């Protein structure tokens, strides 16, 4: 039975993504932070880890991108999870709420609803939606924002349903490990690269993809923490690194990059 690490505790959206990818029969191990997930896989405590990488409205989960540079792990699979947020509390009515807790990403995804419906209520960030629910279960006058599963686990009422600002709010999760995913004919390849300091380096690096008609579905830059004013680039392209034209393009990109790290090829998520 595979051991799967995820950003816990139970009933977080990372937990839901792990169940969606590997089923409830897998051995699921909650971690306190995203870096803990990477460490548990790196140290062979778990076979795989599930982490959030980007949201359709709030953008990249920057800590996840930074950790791909730090750890030598590959992306093995991806999953897109529809995110539905709910206002949860032991109180019976909205008017009894004095404070709201949730994860920063969840609060950001409900910003407009909170402004319109609870403009005078204090809002505080915590490390997970599950921790927010646990606090709401213990403290009078407190509510949490999170999934409906949390209401079952912590004995909370669902005061308001689907309070996310956008009905098509999605978060992309990836599975990380050391395994290699074989080609399926419907694959995606993720790359991390750092450019040589010379004119036109980014143009030439991406030109290796354009010349072969390879579609780039995403590109993101992050500051290098070890060098001021220099950047890492993260990109997703369509195809598998074992495809001939992908392999040729990556070899050409390597000539223009000081570093090109292949983060993995894997089936496209649904």
C-alpha atoms as a PDB file:
ATOM      1  CA  UNK A   1       0.000   0.000   0.000  1.00  0.00           C
ATOM      2  CA  UNK A   2       1.446   3.353  -1.037  1.00  0.00           C
ATOM      3  CA  UNK A   3       2.102   6.030   1.550  1.00  0.00           C
ATOM      4  CA  UNK A   4       0.911   9.461   0.445  1.00  0.00           C
ATOM      5  CA  UNK A   5       1.877  12.691   2.236  1.00  0.00           C
ATOM      6  CA  UNK A   6      -0.389  15.720   1.946  1.00  0.00           C
ATOM      7  CA  UNK A   7      -0.804  19.166   3.494  1.00  0.00           C
ATOM      8  CA  UNK A   8      -3.032  18.325   6.422  1.00  0.00           C
ATOM      9  CA  UNK A   9      -4.866  17.822   8.547  1.00  0.00           C
ATOM     10  CA  UNK A  10      -7.819  15.752   7.349  1.00  0.00           C
ATOM     11  CA  UNK A  11     -10.524  17.450   5.228  1.00  0.00           C
ATOM     12  CA  UNK A  12      -8.246  20.145   3.797  1.00  0.00           C
ATOM     13  CA  UNK A  13      -8.469  20.569   0.042  1.00  0.00           C
ATOM     14  CA  UNK A  14      -5.033  18.899  -0.247  1.00  0.00           C
ATOM     15  CA  UNK A  15      -6.533  15.883   1.545  1.00  0.00           C
ATOM     16  CA  UNK A  16      -9.436  15.870  -0.905  1.00  0.00           C
ATOM     17  CA  UNK A  17      -6.987  16.055  -3.833  1.00  0.00           C
ATOM     18  CA  UNK A  18      -4.970  13.139  -2.431  1.00  0.00           C
ATOM     19  CA  UNK A  19      -8.139  11.043  -2.108  1.00  0.00           C
ATOM     20  CA  UNK A  20      -9.156  12.008  -5.647  1.00  0.00           C
ATOM     21  CA  UNK A  21      -5.763  10.911  -7.021  1.00  0.00           C
ATOM     22  CA  UNK A  22      -5.154   7.751  -4.985  1.00  0.00           C
ATOM     23  CA  UNK A  23      -8.436   6.741  -3.355  1.00  0.00           C
ATOM     24  CA  UNK A  24      -9.374   6.238   0.270  1.00  0.00           C
ATOM     25  CA  UNK A  25      -7.596   2.882   0.417  1.00  0.00           C
ATOM     26  CA  UNK A  26      -4.167   4.580   0.211  1.00  0.00           C
ATOM     27  CA  UNK A  27      -2.295   5.320   3.435  1.00  0.00           C
ATOM     28  CA  UNK A  28      -2.558   9.090   3.792  1.00  0.00           C
ATOM     29  CA  UNK A  29      -0.123  10.965   6.046  1.00  0.00           C
ATOM     30  CA  UNK A  30      -0.887  14.598   6.967  1.00  0.00           C
ATOM     31  CA  UNK A  31       1.980  17.115   7.076  1.00  0.00           C
ATOM     32  CA  UNK A  32       2.044  20.488   8.821  1.00  0.00           C
ATOM     33  CA  UNK A  33       3.558  22.440   5.915  1.00  0.00           C
ATOM     34  CA  UNK A  34       4.144  22.078   2.179  1.00  0.00           C
ATOM     35  CA  UNK A  35       7.892  21.722   2.814  1.00  0.00           C
ATOM     36  CA  UNK A  36       7.146  18.886   5.244  1.00  0.00           C
ATOM     37  CA  UNK A  37       5.430  17.065   2.356  1.00  0.00           C
ATOM     38  CA  UNK A  38       8.580  17.432   0.226  1.00  0.00           C
ATOM     39  CA  UNK A  39      10.786  16.268   3.114  1.00  0.00           C
ATOM     40  CA  UNK A  40       8.639  13.198   3.838  1.00  0.00           C
ATOM     41  CA  UNK A  41       9.022  12.092   0.217  1.00  0.00           C
ATOM     42  CA  UNK A  42      12.709  13.063   0.012  1.00  0.00           C
ATOM     43  CA  UNK A  43      13.486  11.000   3.145  1.00  0.00           C
ATOM     44  CA  UNK A  44      11.408   8.010   1.897  1.00  0.00           C
ATOM     45  CA  UNK A  45       8.945   8.309   4.770  1.00  0.00           C
ATOM     46  CA  UNK A  46       6.262   8.432   2.069  1.00  0.00           C
ATOM     47  CA  UNK A  47       6.231   7.220  -1.539  1.00  0.00           C
ATOM     48  CA  UNK A  48       4.456  10.286  -2.921  1.00  0.00           C
ATOM     49  CA  UNK A  49       3.241  13.704  -1.816  1.00  0.00           C
ATOM     50  CA  UNK A  50       0.325  15.877  -2.910  1.00  0.00           C
ATOM     51  CA  UNK A  51       0.764  19.680  -2.872  1.00  0.00           C
ATOM     52  CA  UNK A  52      -1.140  22.678  -4.312  1.00  0.00           C
ATOM     53  CA  UNK A  53       0.672  24.475  -7.102  1.00  0.00           C
ATOM     54  CA  UNK A  54      -1.731  27.132  -8.422  1.00  0.00           C
ATOM     55  CA  UNK A  55      -5.232  28.534  -8.184  1.00  0.00           C
ATOM     56  CA  UNK A  56      -7.260  29.741 -11.142  1.00  0.00           C
ATOM     57  CA  UNK A  57      -7.818  33.189  -9.565  1.00  0.00           C
ATOM     58  CA  UNK A  58      -5.067  33.712  -6.983  1.00  0.00           C
ATOM     59  CA  UNK A  59      -2.242  32.361  -9.136  1.00  0.00           C
ATOM     60  CA  UNK A  60       0.799  30.304  -8.146  1.00  0.00           C
ATOM     61  CA  UNK A  61       1.447  28.841  -4.712  1.00  0.00           C
ATOM     62  CA  UNK A  62       4.911  30.378  -4.524  1.00  0.00           C
ATOM     63  CA  UNK A  63       6.303  28.192  -1.764  1.00  0.00           C
ATOM     64  CA  UNK A  64       5.623  25.095  -3.873  1.00  0.00           C
ATOM     65  CA  UNK A  65       7.522  26.565  -6.831  1.00  0.00           C
ATOM     66  CA  UNK A  66      10.464  27.484  -4.602  1.00  0.00           C
ATOM     67  CA  UNK A  67      10.616  23.958  -3.198  1.00  0.00           C
ATOM     68  CA  UNK A  68      10.902  22.405  -6.657  1.00  0.00           C
ATOM     69  CA  UNK A  69      14.221  24.234  -6.959  1.00  0.00           C
ATOM     70  CA  UNK A  70      15.361  23.094  -3.515  1.00  0.00           C
ATOM     71  CA  UNK A  71      14.366  19.397  -3.705  1.00  0.00           C
ATOM     72  CA  UNK A  72      15.206  16.803  -6.336  1.00  0.00           C
ATOM     73  CA  UNK A  73      11.695  15.430  -6.839  1.00  0.00           C
ATOM     74  CA  UNK A  74       9.542  14.999  -9.928  1.00  0.00           C
ATOM     75  CA  UNK A  75       5.898  15.645 -10.729  1.00  0.00           C
ATOM     76  CA  UNK A  76       4.157  12.310 -11.296  1.00  0.00           C
ATOM     77  CA  UNK A  77       0.522  13.365 -11.750  1.00  0.00           C
ATOM     78  CA  UNK A  78      -1.810  16.347 -11.505  1.00  0.00           C
ATOM     79  CA  UNK A  79      -5.390  16.937 -10.455  1.00  0.00           C
ATOM     80  CA  UNK A  80      -7.743  19.922 -10.707  1.00  0.00           C
ATOM     81  CA  UNK A  81     -10.089  20.316  -7.768  1.00  0.00           C
ATOM     82  CA  UNK A  82     -13.219  22.474  -7.771  1.00  0.00           C
ATOM     83  CA  UNK A  83     -12.965  24.614  -4.623  1.00  0.00           C
ATOM     84  CA  UNK A  84     -16.173  25.332  -2.732  1.00  0.00           C
ATOM     85  CA  UNK A  85     -15.922  27.389   0.436  1.00  0.00           C
ATOM     86  CA  UNK A  86     -18.471  27.485   3.245  1.00  0.00           C
ATOM     87  CA  UNK A  87     -18.912  29.526   6.410  1.00  0.00           C
ATOM     88  CA  UNK A  88     -18.776  27.117   9.353  1.00  0.00           C
ATOM     89  CA  UNK A  89     -19.460  27.730  13.033  1.00  0.00           C
ATOM     90  CA  UNK A  90     -20.910  26.264  16.222  1.00  0.00           C
ATOM     91  CA  UNK A  91     -23.116  29.373  16.345  1.00  0.00           C
ATOM     92  CA  UNK A  92     -26.620  29.240  14.928  1.00  0.00           C
ATOM     93  CA  UNK A  93     -26.772  32.576  13.082  1.00  0.00           C
ATOM     94  CA  UNK A  94     -24.431  34.781  11.045  1.00  0.00           C
ATOM     95  CA  UNK A  95     -25.138  37.703  13.362  1.00  0.00           C
ATOM     96  CA  UNK A  96     -23.439  35.850  16.240  1.00  0.00           C
ATOM     97  CA  UNK A  97     -20.078  35.718  14.451  1.00  0.00           C
ATOM     98  CA  UNK A  98     -17.382  38.038  15.825  1.00  0.00           C
ATOM     99  CA  UNK A  99     -14.282  36.598  14.135  1.00  0.00           C
ATOM    100  CA  UNK A 100     -13.463  34.456  11.100  1.00  0.00           C
ATOM    101  CA  UNK A 101     -10.415  32.205  10.654  1.00  0.00           C
ATOM    102  CA  UNK A 102      -9.091  30.490   7.545  1.00  0.00           C
ATOM    103  CA  UNK A 103      -6.079  29.814   5.378  1.00  0.00           C
ATOM    104  CA  UNK A 104      -4.809  32.933   3.508  1.00  0.00           C
ATOM    105  CA  UNK A 105      -5.691  31.429   0.110  1.00  0.00           C
ATOM    106  CA  UNK A 106      -9.248  30.639   1.225  1.00  0.00           C
ATOM    107  CA  UNK A 107      -9.729  34.156   2.595  1.00  0.00           C
ATOM    108  CA  UNK A 108      -8.444  35.632  -0.655  1.00  0.00           C
ATOM    109  CA  UNK A 109     -10.871  33.499  -2.643  1.00  0.00           C
ATOM    110  CA  UNK A 110     -13.806  34.797  -0.548  1.00  0.00           C
ATOM    111  CA  UNK A 111     -12.680  38.427  -0.346  1.00  0.00           C
ATOM    112  CA  UNK A 112     -15.659  39.958  -2.173  1.00  0.00           C
ATOM    113  CA  UNK A 113     -18.215  37.892  -0.259  1.00  0.00           C
ATOM    114  CA  UNK A 114     -16.702  38.874   3.084  1.00  0.00           C
ATOM    115  CA  UNK A 115     -16.630  42.544   2.104  1.00  0.00           C
ATOM    116  CA  UNK A 116     -20.269  42.470   1.010  1.00  0.00           C
ATOM    117  CA  UNK A 117     -21.711  40.311   3.798  1.00  0.00           C
ATOM    118  CA  UNK A 118     -19.452  40.699   6.847  1.00  0.00           C
ATOM    119  CA  UNK A 119     -17.563  43.958   6.395  1.00  0.00           C
ATOM    120  CA  UNK A 120     -17.147  44.653  10.118  1.00  0.00           C
ATOM    121  CA  UNK A 121     -16.086  41.161  11.179  1.00  0.00           C
ATOM    122  CA  UNK A 122     -12.440  40.572  12.156  1.00  0.00           C
ATOM    123  CA  UNK A 123     -10.624  38.140   9.850  1.00  0.00           C
ATOM    124  CA  UNK A 124      -7.453  36.230  10.792  1.00  0.00           C
ATOM    125  CA  UNK A 125      -5.144  33.924   8.833  1.00  0.00           C
ATOM    126  CA  UNK A 126      -4.147  30.456  10.096  1.00  0.00           C
ATOM    127  CA  UNK A 127      -2.063  27.655   8.588  1.00  0.00           C
ATOM    128  CA  UNK A 128      -4.954  25.517   7.291  1.00  0.00           C
ATOM    129  CA  UNK A 129      -8.726  25.453   6.891  1.00  0.00           C
ATOM    130  CA  UNK A 130      -8.794  22.469   9.261  1.00  0.00           C
ATOM    131  CA  UNK A 131      -7.070  24.440  12.003  1.00  0.00           C
ATOM    132  CA  UNK A 132      -9.604  27.224  11.431  1.00  0.00           C
ATOM    133  CA  UNK A 133     -12.446  24.717  11.869  1.00  0.00           C
ATOM    134  CA  UNK A 134     -10.897  23.335  15.054  1.00  0.00           C
ATOM    135  CA  UNK A 135     -10.692  26.863  16.469  1.00  0.00           C
ATOM    136  CA  UNK A 136     -14.296  27.560  15.487  1.00  0.00           C
ATOM    137  CA  UNK A 137     -15.359  24.392  17.283  1.00  0.00           C
ATOM    138  CA  UNK A 138     -13.734  25.552  20.537  1.00  0.00           C
ATOM    139  CA  UNK A 139     -14.283  29.318  20.599  1.00  0.00           C
ATOM    140  CA  UNK A 140     -17.711  30.994  20.877  1.00  0.00           C
ATOM    141  CA  UNK A 141     -18.494  33.640  18.277  1.00  0.00           C
ATOM    142  CA  UNK A 142     -15.929  32.242  15.820  1.00  0.00           C
ATOM    143  CA  UNK A 143     -16.441  30.953  12.276  1.00  0.00           C
ATOM    144  CA  UNK A 144     -14.155  29.204   9.805  1.00  0.00           C
ATOM    145  CA  UNK A 145     -14.079  29.146   6.019  1.00  0.00           C
ATOM    146  CA  UNK A 146     -13.513  25.729   4.448  1.00  0.00           C
ATOM    147  CA  UNK A 147     -15.020  22.587   2.984  1.00  0.00           C
ATOM    148  CA  UNK A 148     -18.266  20.942   4.104  1.00  0.00           C
ATOM    149  CA  UNK A 149     -16.277  17.907   5.246  1.00  0.00           C
ATOM    150  CA  UNK A 150     -14.884  20.050   8.048  1.00  0.00           C
ATOM    151  CA  UNK A 151     -18.368  20.592   9.458  1.00  0.00           C
ATOM    152  CA  UNK A 152     -18.781  16.816   9.807  1.00  0.00           C
ATOM    153  CA  UNK A 153     -15.398  16.289  11.454  1.00  0.00           C
ATOM    154  CA  UNK A 154     -15.606  19.204  13.889  1.00  0.00           C
ATOM    155  CA  UNK A 155     -19.361  19.244  14.547  1.00  0.00           C
ATOM    156  CA  UNK A 156     -20.012  22.663  12.994  1.00  0.00           C
ATOM    157  CA  UNK A 157     -23.044  24.171  11.314  1.00  0.00           C
ATOM    158  CA  UNK A 158     -22.864  25.271   7.684  1.00  0.00           C
ATOM    159  CA  UNK A 159     -24.120  28.860   7.969  1.00  0.00           C
ATOM    160  CA  UNK A 160     -23.475  29.843   4.350  1.00  0.00           C
ATOM    161  CA  UNK A 161     -22.686  27.650   1.337  1.00  0.00           C
ATOM    162  CA  UNK A 162     -20.471  28.348  -1.689  1.00  0.00           C
ATOM    163  CA  UNK A 163     -19.183  31.746  -0.607  1.00  0.00           C
ATOM    164  CA  UNK A 164     -16.209  31.730  -2.999  1.00  0.00           C
ATOM    165  CA  UNK A 165     -16.159  34.812  -5.228  1.00  0.00           C
ATOM    166  CA  UNK A 166     -15.944  32.842  -8.478  1.00  0.00           C
ATOM    167  CA  UNK A 167     -18.118  29.791  -9.232  1.00  0.00           C
ATOM    168  CA  UNK A 168     -15.380  28.236 -11.400  1.00  0.00           C
ATOM    169  CA  UNK A 169     -12.713  28.517  -8.686  1.00  0.00           C
ATOM    170  CA  UNK A 170     -10.197  25.677  -9.284  1.00  0.00           C
ATOM    171  CA  UNK A 171      -6.927  24.673  -7.661  1.00  0.00           C
ATOM    172  CA  UNK A 172      -4.319  22.552  -9.393  1.00  0.00           C
ATOM    173  CA  UNK A 173      -2.580  19.936  -7.251  1.00  0.00           C
ATOM    174  CA  UNK A 174       0.421  17.843  -8.231  1.00  0.00           C
ATOM    175  CA  UNK A 175       1.775  14.548  -6.965  1.00  0.00           C
ATOM    176  CA  UNK A 176       5.523  14.547  -6.294  1.00  0.00           C
ATOM    177  CA  UNK A 177       7.937  11.636  -6.029  1.00  0.00           C
ATOM    178  CA  UNK A 178      10.840   9.928  -7.748  1.00  0.00           C
ATOM    179  CA  UNK A 179       8.924   7.767 -10.175  1.00  0.00           C
ATOM    180  CA  UNK A 180       8.818   8.201 -13.938  1.00  0.00           C
ATOM    181  CA  UNK A 181       5.429   8.404 -15.673  1.00  0.00           C
ATOM    182  CA  UNK A 182       5.454   6.714 -19.118  1.00  0.00           C
ATOM    183  CA  UNK A 183       3.916   8.444 -22.154  1.00  0.00           C
ATOM    184  CA  UNK A 184       0.142   8.208 -22.536  1.00  0.00           C
ATOM    185  CA  UNK A 185      -0.394  10.357 -25.644  1.00  0.00           C
ATOM    186  CA  UNK A 186      -2.016  13.073 -23.548  1.00  0.00           C
ATOM    187  CA  UNK A 187       0.842  14.380 -21.443  1.00  0.00           C
ATOM    188  CA  UNK A 188       2.322  17.536 -20.010  1.00  0.00           C
ATOM    189  CA  UNK A 189       5.954  18.331 -19.138  1.00  0.00           C
ATOM    190  CA  UNK A 190       6.989  20.801 -16.432  1.00  0.00           C
ATOM    191  CA  UNK A 191      10.348  22.574 -16.488  1.00  0.00           C
ATOM    192  CA  UNK A 192      12.368  24.856 -14.238  1.00  0.00           C
ATOM    193  CA  UNK A 193      15.135  26.922 -15.824  1.00  0.00           C
ATOM    194  CA  UNK A 194      17.599  29.694 -15.052  1.00  0.00           C
ATOM    195  CA  UNK A 195      18.930  31.777 -17.950  1.00  0.00           C
ATOM    196  CA  UNK A 196      22.467  32.695 -18.833  1.00  0.00           C
ATOM    197  CA  UNK A 197      23.062  36.436 -18.506  1.00  0.00           C
ATOM    198  CA  UNK A 198      23.178  37.466 -22.155  1.00  0.00           C
ATOM    199  CA  UNK A 199      20.877  39.373 -24.560  1.00  0.00           C
ATOM    200  CA  UNK A 200      17.988  37.393 -26.022  1.00  0.00           C
ATOM    201  CA  UNK A 201      18.478  34.367 -23.761  1.00  0.00           C
ATOM    202  CA  UNK A 202      14.768  33.984 -22.919  1.00  0.00           C
ATOM    203  CA  UNK A 203      13.775  34.543 -26.557  1.00  0.00           C
ATOM    204  CA  UNK A 204      16.197  31.865 -27.753  1.00  0.00           C
ATOM    205  CA  UNK A 205      15.257  29.402 -25.026  1.00  0.00           C
ATOM    206  CA  UNK A 206      11.544  29.637 -25.775  1.00  0.00           C
ATOM    207  CA  UNK A 207      12.281  29.726 -29.506  1.00  0.00           C
ATOM    208  CA  UNK A 208      13.378  26.099 -29.251  1.00  0.00           C
ATOM    209  CA  UNK A 209       9.747  25.299 -28.400  1.00  0.00           C
ATOM    210  CA  UNK A 210       8.149  27.617 -30.948  1.00  0.00           C
ATOM    211  CA  UNK A 211      10.285  26.302 -33.818  1.00  0.00           C
ATOM    212  CA  UNK A 212       8.895  22.813 -33.240  1.00  0.00           C
ATOM    213  CA  UNK A 213       5.276  23.871 -32.707  1.00  0.00           C
ATOM    214  CA  UNK A 214       5.311  22.887 -29.037  1.00  0.00           C
ATOM    215  CA  UNK A 215       2.545  24.579 -27.088  1.00  0.00           C
ATOM    216  CA  UNK A 216       3.561  26.281 -23.833  1.00  0.00           C
ATOM    217  CA  UNK A 217       0.544  26.374 -21.507  1.00  0.00           C
ATOM    218  CA  UNK A 218       2.117  28.308 -18.624  1.00  0.00           C
ATOM    219  CA  UNK A 219       5.168  30.369 -17.703  1.00  0.00           C
ATOM    220  CA  UNK A 220       5.911  31.842 -14.275  1.00  0.00           C
ATOM    221  CA  UNK A 221       8.963  33.619 -12.841  1.00  0.00           C
ATOM    222  CA  UNK A 222      10.221  33.593  -9.243  1.00  0.00           C
ATOM    223  CA  UNK A 223      13.135  35.509  -7.674  1.00  0.00           C
ATOM    224  CA  UNK A 224      16.166  33.357  -6.921  1.00  0.00           C
ATOM    225  CA  UNK A 225      16.674  33.506  -3.185  1.00  0.00           C
ATOM    226  CA  UNK A 226      20.401  32.945  -3.576  1.00  0.00           C
ATOM    227  CA  UNK A 227      20.959  35.744  -6.129  1.00  0.00           C
ATOM    228  CA  UNK A 228      19.508  39.253  -6.079  1.00  0.00           C
ATOM    229  CA  UNK A 229      17.547  40.389  -9.165  1.00  0.00           C
ATOM    230  CA  UNK A 230      17.881  37.070 -10.931  1.00  0.00           C
ATOM    231  CA  UNK A 231      14.931  34.795 -11.649  1.00  0.00           C
ATOM    232  CA  UNK A 232      13.874  31.202 -12.043  1.00  0.00           C
ATOM    233  CA  UNK A 233      11.309  30.396 -14.721  1.00  0.00           C
ATOM    234  CA  UNK A 234       8.713  27.654 -14.459  1.00  0.00           C
ATOM    235  CA  UNK A 235       6.888  26.489 -17.559  1.00  0.00           C
ATOM    236  CA  UNK A 236       4.481  23.743 -18.643  1.00  0.00           C
ATOM    237  CA  UNK A 237       4.493  22.432 -22.198  1.00  0.00           C
ATOM    238  CA  UNK A 238       2.291  19.925 -23.985  1.00  0.00           C
ATOM    239  CA  UNK A 239       3.886  16.542 -24.675  1.00  0.00           C
ATOM    240  CA  UNK A 240       6.179  14.032 -22.976  1.00  0.00           C
ATOM    241  CA  UNK A 241       9.939  14.420 -22.604  1.00  0.00           C
ATOM    242  CA  UNK A 242      10.366  11.058 -24.372  1.00  0.00           C
ATOM    243  CA  UNK A 243       8.728  12.487 -27.520  1.00  0.00           C
ATOM    244  CA  UNK A 244      11.401  13.148 -30.158  1.00  0.00           C
ATOM    245  CA  UNK A 245      10.545  16.797 -30.758  1.00  0.00           C
ATOM    246  CA  UNK A 246      10.271  17.520 -27.020  1.00  0.00           C
ATOM    247  CA  UNK A 247      13.653  15.903 -26.426  1.00  0.00           C
ATOM    248  CA  UNK A 248      15.245  17.949 -29.231  1.00  0.00           C
ATOM    249  CA  UNK A 249      13.717  21.162 -27.931  1.00  0.00           C
ATOM    250  CA  UNK A 250      14.954  20.535 -24.392  1.00  0.00           C
ATOM    251  CA  UNK A 251      18.482  19.856 -25.627  1.00  0.00           C
ATOM    252  CA  UNK A 252      18.418  23.183 -27.486  1.00  0.00           C
ATOM    253  CA  UNK A 253      17.022  24.970 -24.421  1.00  0.00           C
ATOM    254  CA  UNK A 254      19.872  23.592 -22.307  1.00  0.00           C
ATOM    255  CA  UNK A 255      22.335  25.450 -24.540  1.00  0.00           C
ATOM    256  CA  UNK A 256      20.676  28.772 -23.638  1.00  0.00           C
ATOM    257  CA  UNK A 257      20.145  28.070 -19.921  1.00  0.00           C
ATOM    258  CA  UNK A 258      22.554  28.091 -17.022  1.00  0.00           C
ATOM    259  CA  UNK A 259      20.247  25.443 -15.509  1.00  0.00           C
ATOM    260  CA  UNK A 260      17.354  23.452 -16.934  1.00  0.00           C
ATOM    261  CA  UNK A 261      15.654  21.047 -14.534  1.00  0.00           C
ATOM    262  CA  UNK A 262      13.080  18.613 -15.842  1.00  0.00           C
ATOM    263  CA  UNK A 263      10.347  18.468 -13.210  1.00  0.00           C
ATOM    264  CA  UNK A 264       8.603  15.562 -14.883  1.00  0.00           C
ATOM    265  CA  UNK A 265       6.261  14.425 -17.620  1.00  0.00           C
ATOM    266  CA  UNK A 266       2.845  13.140 -16.563  1.00  0.00           C
ATOM    267  CA  UNK A 267      -0.729  12.666 -17.829  1.00  0.00           C
ATOM    268  CA  UNK A 268      -2.830  15.839 -18.044  1.00  0.00           C
ATOM    269  CA  UNK A 269      -5.244  16.142 -15.162  1.00  0.00           C
ATOM    270  CA  UNK A 270      -8.975  16.334 -15.594  1.00  0.00           C
END
